[in-house]
Amino acid sequence: MDMLLEEKHRAVRQSVRRFCDRELRPIASRIDQEARFPWEVVEKMARLGYFGIQVPKTLGGADLDAVSYAIIVEEISRVSGAIGLCVSVHNSVAVYPIMTFGTREQIERWIPPLAGGQKIGAFCLTEPNAGSDAGGIEATALADGDDYRVNANKVFVTNGGIADVCLIFCRTDPAAGRRGISVVVAERGATGFVVGDLEDLCGMRANPVCSIRLNDCRVPKANRLAGEGMGLKIGLAALDTGRMGIGAQAVGIAQAALEEAVRYARQRHQFGVPINRHQAIQTMIADMATQVDAARLMVYRAAALKDRRLPFSKAAAMAKLFASETATRVTDLAVQIHGGYGYSKSYPVERYYRDARVTRIYEGTSEIHRMVIAKSVMEE
């Protein structure tokens, strides 16, 4: 696989892998069990530019390309899916929309601290009654002088417990239906900005996922991204990049599961030989390795298209769909190869199995992605 990458991409992979193996791997299992966000490691990641991967250096970023972004998310997720999720969401659906749709003043205000990791970003779209149907959101932002008065109940907010800069999807014109949805940036600490309790989730437990509620929260109109009614356009553009990131995350989790399965199969003896000598195990490993490589290639293709400024929506949807379902299959087989030990928290494949499952849900379910892909194919 590395032979297909440029030297700069191989260097990025080696650097991130060394860092994660040294700093993140020793605590990955513990932070999952404790549901604790590891600020002590994240602050080091921030100094390496992981929170401003595609931000220009003039704004405090690393100024890397989309392929590098995919590699970084993949390598972090290979050690901790939850921290890979934090980096992916922050870069793709928080930083990217501000960089793309923000005014010069908005970019200069929010991007340097986001790129430097001094502030963490979040994307607040999902509500109790709106998930796959983004047009069904009920949050409102009603004009009140120079401000909006925002009322919203956003749930399952990735990075929610630590986020400082939140992109809130809300109705600025409730009578206009989907065309009345806009995006305003609300900042932690504002009056009426309430952070809910952390969700007790099956996987991704080291990411502080929670609800965020805005109760008559006054947000300046100057905090609105682009024009009123641009919300769904902004959301779809952000999710294209986000889907590529979740695809990379899924590849990292699947790669970790494959490596653990191979390691265990070499060590475990049954019927007098290592179990990797048994054809049934070899078949599983062959399928796992093939699927992981295919998923990785699809993610890199989407990233390469983005770098070339070519349409990549369909490629990103395909990559996210295939990679997330690959992660589910590969982690399941890794547990199977471990047998009863795979169901124990003493082995990391149990964590990979839990982490992989949600990749088929967030940033668009597998069912939604099939709809997106089918529509794109039929319109070609």
Protein backbone atom coordinates (compact mmCIF):
# COMPACT_ATOMS: atom_id res chain seq x y z
CA MET A 1 0.00 0.00 0.00
CA ASP A 2 2.75 2.48 0.90
CA MET A 3 4.23 2.13 -2.60
CA LEU A 4 1.14 3.94 -3.94
CA LEU A 5 1.71 6.93 -1.64
CA GLU A 6 4.00 9.87 -2.12
CA GLU A 7 7.01 10.17 0.15
CA LYS A 8 5.34 12.94 2.15
CA HIS A 9 2.40 10.66 2.90
CA ARG A 10 4.64 7.81 4.01
CA ALA A 11 6.45 10.26 6.30
CA VAL A 12 3.14 11.37 7.79
CA ARG A 13 2.14 7.77 8.47
CA GLN A 14 5.44 6.93 10.13
CA SER A 15 5.35 10.03 12.31
CA VAL A 16 1.75 9.55 13.48
CA ARG A 17 2.24 5.83 14.08
CA ARG A 18 5.32 6.43 16.23
CA PHE A 19 3.49 9.05 18.27
CA CYS A 20 0.37 6.94 18.81
CA ASP A 21 2.28 3.79 19.70
CA ARG A 22 4.36 5.72 22.22
CA GLU A 23 1.80 8.09 23.75
CA LEU A 24 -1.69 6.73 23.12
CA ARG A 25 -1.42 2.94 23.07
CA PRO A 26 -0.38 2.57 26.74
CA ILE A 27 -3.60 4.26 27.90
CA ALA A 28 -6.06 3.28 25.12
CA SER A 29 -7.75 0.47 27.02
CA ARG A 30 -7.87 2.39 30.30
CA ILE A 31 -9.48 5.53 28.87
CA ASP A 32 -12.10 3.35 27.19
CA GLN A 33 -12.96 1.60 30.45
CA GLU A 34 -12.97 4.87 32.41
CA ALA A 35 -14.78 6.80 29.65
CA ARG A 36 -12.12 9.50 30.08
CA PHE A 37 -10.90 12.00 27.51
CA PRO A 38 -7.06 12.00 27.66
CA TRP A 39 -6.17 15.68 27.69
CA GLU A 40 -2.57 14.81 28.55
CA VAL A 41 -2.13 13.15 25.14
CA VAL A 42 -4.46 15.41 23.18
CA GLU A 43 -2.43 18.48 24.15
CA LYS A 44 0.63 16.81 22.63
CA MET A 45 -1.37 16.00 19.50
CA ALA A 46 -2.38 19.63 19.23
CA ARG A 47 1.26 20.71 19.18
CA LEU A 48 1.83 18.36 16.24
CA GLY A 49 -0.91 19.99 14.18
CA TYR A 50 -3.51 17.23 14.33
CA PHE A 51 -6.32 19.71 15.01
CA GLY A 52 -5.58 21.88 11.98
CA ILE A 53 -4.52 19.29 9.45
CA GLN A 54 -5.68 21.15 6.33
CA VAL A 55 -5.53 24.66 7.75
CA PRO A 56 -2.92 26.99 6.20
CA LYS A 57 0.16 27.63 8.29
CA THR A 58 -0.68 31.33 8.32
CA LEU A 59 -3.69 30.42 10.46
CA GLY A 60 -1.78 28.03 12.70
CA GLY A 61 -2.46 24.81 10.83
CA ALA A 62 -0.33 22.00 9.40
CA ASP A 63 -1.26 22.83 5.79
CA LEU A 64 -1.50 19.18 4.71
CA ASP A 65 -3.71 17.61 2.06
CA ALA A 66 -6.78 15.37 2.28
CA VAL A 67 -4.78 12.16 1.83
CA SER A 68 -2.66 13.14 4.83
CA TYR A 69 -5.85 13.87 6.77
CA ALA A 70 -7.13 10.36 6.01
CA ILE A 71 -3.82 8.80 7.03
CA ILE A 72 -3.69 10.72 10.31
CA VAL A 73 -7.24 9.75 11.27
CA GLU A 74 -6.58 6.14 10.27
CA GLU A 75 -3.40 5.87 12.33
CA ILE A 76 -4.91 7.45 15.45
CA SER A 77 -7.98 5.20 15.12
CA ARG A 78 -5.72 2.15 14.79
CA VAL A 79 -4.85 2.78 18.45
CA SER A 80 -7.97 4.53 19.75
CA GLY A 81 -11.12 4.88 17.68
CA ALA A 82 -12.51 7.41 20.15
CA ILE A 83 -9.61 9.82 19.75
CA GLY A 84 -9.57 9.27 15.99
CA LEU A 85 -13.23 10.28 16.07
CA CYS A 86 -12.40 13.47 17.96
CA VAL A 87 -9.77 14.47 15.41
CA SER A 88 -11.93 13.55 12.42
CA VAL A 89 -15.03 15.43 13.56
CA HIS A 90 -13.06 18.48 14.69
CA ASN A 91 -11.25 18.79 11.35
CA SER A 92 -14.01 17.77 8.96
CA VAL A 93 -17.34 19.09 10.24
CA ALA A 94 -16.19 21.92 12.52
CA VAL A 95 -13.05 23.47 11.04
CA TYR A 96 -13.85 22.75 7.38
CA PRO A 97 -17.25 24.52 7.26
CA ILE A 98 -15.83 27.63 8.92
CA MET A 99 -12.88 27.66 6.52
CA THR A 100 -15.17 27.14 3.53
CA PHE A 101 -18.22 29.24 4.38
CA GLY A 102 -16.94 31.68 7.00
CA THR A 103 -16.18 35.34 6.48
CA ARG A 104 -12.64 36.60 6.84
CA GLU A 105 -13.47 37.87 10.31
CA GLN A 106 -15.00 34.54 11.35
CA ILE A 107 -12.02 32.60 10.04
CA GLU A 108 -9.52 34.85 11.82
CA ARG A 109 -11.53 34.63 15.03
CA TRP A 110 -12.15 30.89 15.29
CA ILE A 111 -9.68 29.02 13.09
CA PRO A 112 -6.34 29.76 14.84
CA PRO A 113 -7.49 28.47 18.27
CA LEU A 114 -9.25 25.51 16.63
CA ALA A 115 -6.23 24.65 14.49
CA GLY A 116 -3.96 24.91 17.50
CA GLY A 117 -6.17 22.68 19.63
CA GLN A 118 -6.80 25.41 22.20
CA LYS A 119 -10.48 25.05 21.31
CA ILE A 120 -12.35 21.96 20.18
CA GLY A 121 -15.14 22.03 17.61
CA ALA A 122 -18.44 20.17 17.36
CA PHE A 123 -21.16 19.68 14.76
CA CYS A 124 -24.64 19.87 16.25
CA LEU A 125 -27.23 18.53 13.84
CA THR A 126 -28.91 15.49 15.41
CA GLU A 127 -31.96 15.98 17.62
CA PRO A 128 -34.34 13.60 19.38
CA ASN A 129 -36.71 13.75 16.39
CA ALA A 130 -34.21 14.40 13.60
CA GLY A 131 -31.30 12.22 12.55
CA SER A 132 -31.15 10.88 9.00
CA ASP A 133 -33.83 13.43 8.09
CA ALA A 134 -31.77 16.57 8.60
CA GLY A 135 -34.62 18.65 7.27
CA GLY A 136 -36.72 17.64 10.27
CA ILE A 137 -34.77 19.61 12.86
CA GLU A 138 -36.84 21.61 15.35
CA ALA A 139 -34.19 23.98 16.74
CA THR A 140 -34.92 27.64 16.12
CA ALA A 141 -32.87 30.82 15.92
CA LEU A 142 -35.22 33.78 15.87
CA ALA A 143 -34.01 37.29 15.08
CA ASP A 144 -33.85 39.64 18.04
CA GLY A 145 -32.06 42.86 17.11
CA ASP A 146 -28.45 42.10 16.27
CA ASP A 147 -28.75 38.63 17.78
CA TYR A 148 -30.56 35.36 17.33
CA ARG A 149 -32.42 33.86 20.24
CA VAL A 150 -31.55 30.18 19.90
CA ASN A 151 -33.48 27.27 21.36
CA ALA A 152 -32.15 23.83 20.53
CA ASN A 153 -31.78 20.36 21.95
CA LYS A 154 -28.93 18.61 20.16
CA VAL A 155 -28.15 14.99 21.06
CA PHE A 156 -25.26 12.58 20.51
CA VAL A 157 -22.85 15.47 19.95
CA THR A 158 -19.37 14.09 19.33
CA ASN A 159 -16.81 16.11 21.34
CA GLY A 160 -19.81 17.69 23.07
CA GLY A 161 -18.42 17.50 26.58
CA ILE A 162 -15.27 19.43 25.63
CA ALA A 163 -16.39 21.52 22.66
CA ASP A 164 -15.86 25.28 22.75
CA VAL A 165 -17.09 26.13 19.24
CA CYS A 166 -20.35 24.47 18.18
CA LEU A 167 -21.99 24.64 14.77
CA ILE A 168 -25.72 24.69 15.51
CA PHE A 169 -28.18 23.79 12.75
CA CYS A 170 -31.42 25.65 13.38
CA ARG A 171 -34.42 27.21 11.69
CA THR A 172 -34.01 30.95 11.16
CA ASP A 173 -37.24 30.93 9.12
CA PRO A 174 -39.52 28.22 10.51
CA ALA A 175 -42.10 28.81 7.76
CA ALA A 176 -39.63 28.12 4.95
CA GLY A 177 -39.19 24.40 5.61
CA ARG A 178 -35.82 22.99 4.57
CA ARG A 179 -34.92 26.33 2.95
CA GLY A 180 -35.20 28.03 6.32
CA ILE A 181 -32.34 26.12 7.99
CA SER A 182 -29.15 28.01 8.82
CA VAL A 183 -25.96 27.43 10.80
CA VAL A 184 -24.92 29.62 13.70
CA VAL A 185 -21.79 29.22 15.79
CA ALA A 186 -22.47 29.10 19.52
CA GLU A 187 -19.64 29.20 22.01
CA ARG A 188 -19.36 27.40 25.30
CA GLY A 189 -19.92 29.68 28.26
CA ALA A 190 -22.66 31.75 26.67
CA THR A 191 -25.75 32.32 28.81
CA GLY A 192 -28.23 29.55 28.08
CA PHE A 193 -25.59 27.18 26.65
CA VAL A 194 -26.02 23.94 28.62
CA VAL A 195 -23.83 20.84 28.32
CA GLY A 196 -25.68 17.65 29.18
CA ASP A 197 -24.43 14.53 30.92
CA LEU A 198 -22.05 12.25 29.04
CA GLU A 199 -23.71 9.39 27.20
CA ASP A 200 -22.86 5.92 28.55
CA LEU A 201 -22.12 4.40 25.17
CA CYS A 202 -21.27 0.92 23.95
CA GLY A 203 -18.12 2.07 22.15
CA MET A 204 -16.07 5.21 21.50
CA ARG A 205 -16.20 5.66 25.25
CA ALA A 206 -13.18 7.96 25.49
CA ASN A 207 -14.96 10.56 23.40
CA PRO A 208 -17.19 12.86 25.51
CA VAL A 209 -20.44 12.45 23.56
CA CYS A 210 -23.35 14.30 25.16
CA SER A 211 -26.32 16.52 24.48
CA ILE A 212 -26.03 20.29 24.10
CA ARG A 213 -29.04 22.46 24.86
CA LEU A 214 -29.48 26.14 24.09
CA ASN A 215 -32.18 27.82 26.12
CA ASP A 216 -32.93 31.32 24.84
CA CYS A 217 -29.21 31.58 24.11
CA ARG A 218 -28.34 34.86 22.45
CA VAL A 219 -25.99 34.34 19.52
CA PRO A 220 -24.84 37.35 17.45
CA LYS A 221 -26.04 37.38 13.86
CA ALA A 222 -22.38 37.87 13.01
CA ASN A 223 -21.91 34.23 14.09
CA ARG A 224 -24.04 32.89 11.26
CA LEU A 225 -22.15 30.97 8.57
CA ALA A 226 -23.04 32.17 5.06
CA GLY A 227 -26.57 33.39 4.36
CA GLU A 228 -29.81 32.43 6.00
CA GLY A 229 -31.20 29.23 4.55
CA MET A 230 -27.75 27.85 3.67
CA GLY A 231 -27.75 25.30 6.48
CA LEU A 232 -28.36 22.12 4.50
CA LYS A 233 -25.85 23.11 1.82
CA ILE A 234 -23.23 23.68 4.52
CA GLY A 235 -24.15 20.42 6.23
CA LEU A 236 -23.91 18.32 3.08
CA ALA A 237 -20.55 19.83 2.12
CA ALA A 238 -19.19 19.18 5.61
CA LEU A 239 -20.52 15.64 5.67
CA ASP A 240 -18.75 14.75 2.43
CA THR A 241 -15.45 15.43 4.17
CA GLY A 242 -16.72 13.90 7.41
CA ARG A 243 -17.67 10.67 5.67
CA MET A 244 -14.19 10.37 4.31
CA GLY A 245 -12.85 10.81 7.85
CA ILE A 246 -15.16 8.17 9.31
CA GLY A 247 -14.13 5.84 6.50
CA ALA A 248 -10.50 6.38 7.52
CA GLN A 249 -11.43 5.81 11.15
CA ALA A 250 -13.13 2.53 10.25
CA VAL A 251 -10.05 1.43 8.30
CA GLY A 252 -7.85 2.13 11.31
CA ILE A 253 -10.06 0.09 13.63
CA ALA A 254 -10.21 -2.78 11.13
CA GLN A 255 -6.44 -2.71 10.65
CA ALA A 256 -5.90 -2.93 14.40
CA ALA A 257 -8.28 -5.90 14.62
CA LEU A 258 -6.50 -7.66 11.75
CA GLU A 259 -3.10 -7.17 13.40
CA GLU A 260 -4.34 -8.53 16.73
CA ALA A 261 -5.97 -11.51 15.04
CA VAL A 262 -2.77 -12.40 13.22
CA ARG A 263 -0.70 -11.99 16.40
CA TYR A 264 -3.05 -14.19 18.40
CA ALA A 265 -3.31 -16.85 15.68
CA ARG A 266 0.47 -17.23 15.72
CA GLN A 267 0.57 -17.71 19.50
CA ARG A 268 -2.54 -19.80 20.18
CA HIS A 269 -2.09 -23.58 19.84
CA GLN A 270 -4.89 -26.07 19.28
CA PHE A 271 -4.60 -29.66 18.10
CA GLY A 272 -0.85 -29.44 18.51
CA VAL A 273 -0.15 -26.54 16.14
CA PRO A 274 -0.62 -22.75 16.07
CA ILE A 275 -4.12 -22.00 14.92
CA ASN A 276 -2.80 -19.98 12.00
CA ARG A 277 -1.95 -23.36 10.46
CA HIS A 278 -5.64 -24.24 10.25
CA GLN A 279 -7.32 -23.50 6.95
CA ALA A 280 -10.44 -22.06 8.58
CA ILE A 281 -8.34 -19.39 10.32
CA GLN A 282 -6.33 -18.69 7.17
CA THR A 283 -9.57 -18.12 5.24
CA MET A 284 -10.74 -15.60 7.83
CA ILE A 285 -7.44 -13.74 7.79
CA ALA A 286 -7.32 -13.68 3.98
CA ASP A 287 -10.81 -12.18 3.83
CA MET A 288 -9.98 -9.65 6.55
CA ALA A 289 -6.77 -8.48 4.88
CA THR A 290 -8.42 -8.16 1.47
CA GLN A 291 -11.35 -6.18 2.80
CA VAL A 292 -9.16 -3.81 4.82
CA ASP A 293 -6.96 -3.08 1.80
CA ALA A 294 -9.99 -2.48 -0.41
CA ALA A 295 -11.54 -0.12 2.16
CA ARG A 296 -8.29 1.80 2.51
CA LEU A 297 -7.99 2.24 -1.24
CA MET A 298 -11.55 3.58 -1.42
CA VAL A 299 -10.87 6.10 1.33
CA TYR A 300 -7.64 7.24 -0.30
CA ARG A 301 -9.40 7.57 -3.66
CA ALA A 302 -12.00 9.90 -2.15
CA ALA A 303 -9.22 11.95 -0.51
CA ALA A 304 -7.23 12.11 -3.74
CA LEU A 305 -10.28 13.35 -5.65
CA LYS A 306 -10.79 16.08 -3.05
CA ASP A 307 -7.14 17.09 -3.33
CA ARG A 308 -7.57 17.40 -7.09
CA ARG A 309 -10.69 19.54 -6.59
CA LEU A 310 -12.78 16.95 -8.40
CA PRO A 311 -16.27 15.80 -7.34
CA PHE A 312 -15.88 13.34 -4.48
CA SER A 313 -19.32 13.05 -2.87
CA LYS A 314 -20.10 9.63 -4.35
CA ALA A 315 -16.58 8.35 -3.67
CA ALA A 316 -16.78 9.55 -0.05
CA ALA A 317 -20.17 7.88 0.43
CA MET A 318 -18.87 4.63 -1.07
CA ALA A 319 -15.75 4.76 1.07
CA LYS A 320 -17.68 5.38 4.27
CA LEU A 321 -20.23 2.65 3.48
CA PHE A 322 -17.68 0.00 2.55
CA ALA A 323 -15.14 0.87 5.25
CA SER A 324 -17.69 0.95 8.06
CA GLU A 325 -19.18 -2.39 7.05
CA THR A 326 -15.68 -3.79 6.61
CA ALA A 327 -14.77 -2.70 10.14
CA THR A 328 -17.84 -4.50 11.47
CA ARG A 329 -17.01 -7.73 9.62
CA VAL A 330 -13.29 -7.66 10.39
CA THR A 331 -13.67 -6.96 14.10
CA ASP A 332 -16.29 -9.71 14.33
CA LEU A 333 -13.87 -12.19 12.74
CA ALA A 334 -11.08 -11.01 15.04
CA VAL A 335 -13.28 -11.83 18.04
CA GLN A 336 -14.09 -15.20 16.50
CA ILE A 337 -10.40 -16.03 16.01
CA HIS A 338 -9.76 -15.19 19.66
CA GLY A 339 -12.61 -17.44 20.75
CA GLY A 340 -13.74 -16.84 24.32
CA TYR A 341 -10.80 -14.53 24.93
CA GLY A 342 -12.12 -12.21 22.24
CA TYR A 343 -15.15 -11.56 24.42
CA SER A 344 -12.95 -10.50 27.32
CA LYS A 345 -11.81 -6.95 28.07
CA SER A 346 -8.35 -8.42 28.62
CA TYR A 347 -7.90 -8.40 24.83
CA PRO A 348 -8.25 -5.28 22.66
CA VAL A 349 -10.39 -6.91 19.96
CA GLU A 350 -13.37 -6.60 22.31
CA ARG A 351 -12.94 -2.81 22.23
CA TYR A 352 -12.43 -2.75 18.46
CA TYR A 353 -15.64 -4.75 18.05
CA ARG A 354 -17.62 -2.21 20.09
CA ASP A 355 -16.00 0.80 18.45
CA ALA A 356 -16.58 -0.49 14.92
CA ARG A 357 -20.33 -0.85 15.28
CA VAL A 358 -21.16 2.85 15.44
CA THR A 359 -19.27 3.67 12.24
CA ARG A 360 -22.29 2.31 10.35
CA ILE A 361 -24.53 4.87 12.09
CA TYR A 362 -22.95 8.29 12.46
CA GLU A 363 -22.13 10.70 9.62
CA GLY A 364 -24.97 8.97 7.77
CA THR A 365 -26.20 5.42 8.23
CA SER A 366 -25.35 2.67 5.76
CA GLU A 367 -28.92 2.88 4.50
CA ILE A 368 -28.65 6.61 3.80
CA HIS A 369 -25.34 6.10 2.02
CA ARG A 370 -26.87 3.51 -0.26
CA MET A 371 -29.55 6.04 -1.16
CA VAL A 372 -26.89 8.71 -1.85
CA ILE A 373 -24.82 6.34 -3.99
CA ALA A 374 -27.81 5.03 -5.94
CA LYS A 375 -29.03 8.54 -6.69
CA SER A 376 -25.59 9.57 -7.88
CA VAL A 377 -25.23 6.52 -10.13
CA MET A 378 -28.68 6.98 -11.68
CA GLU A 379 -27.98 10.64 -12.41
CA GLU A 380 -24.70 9.97 -14.24
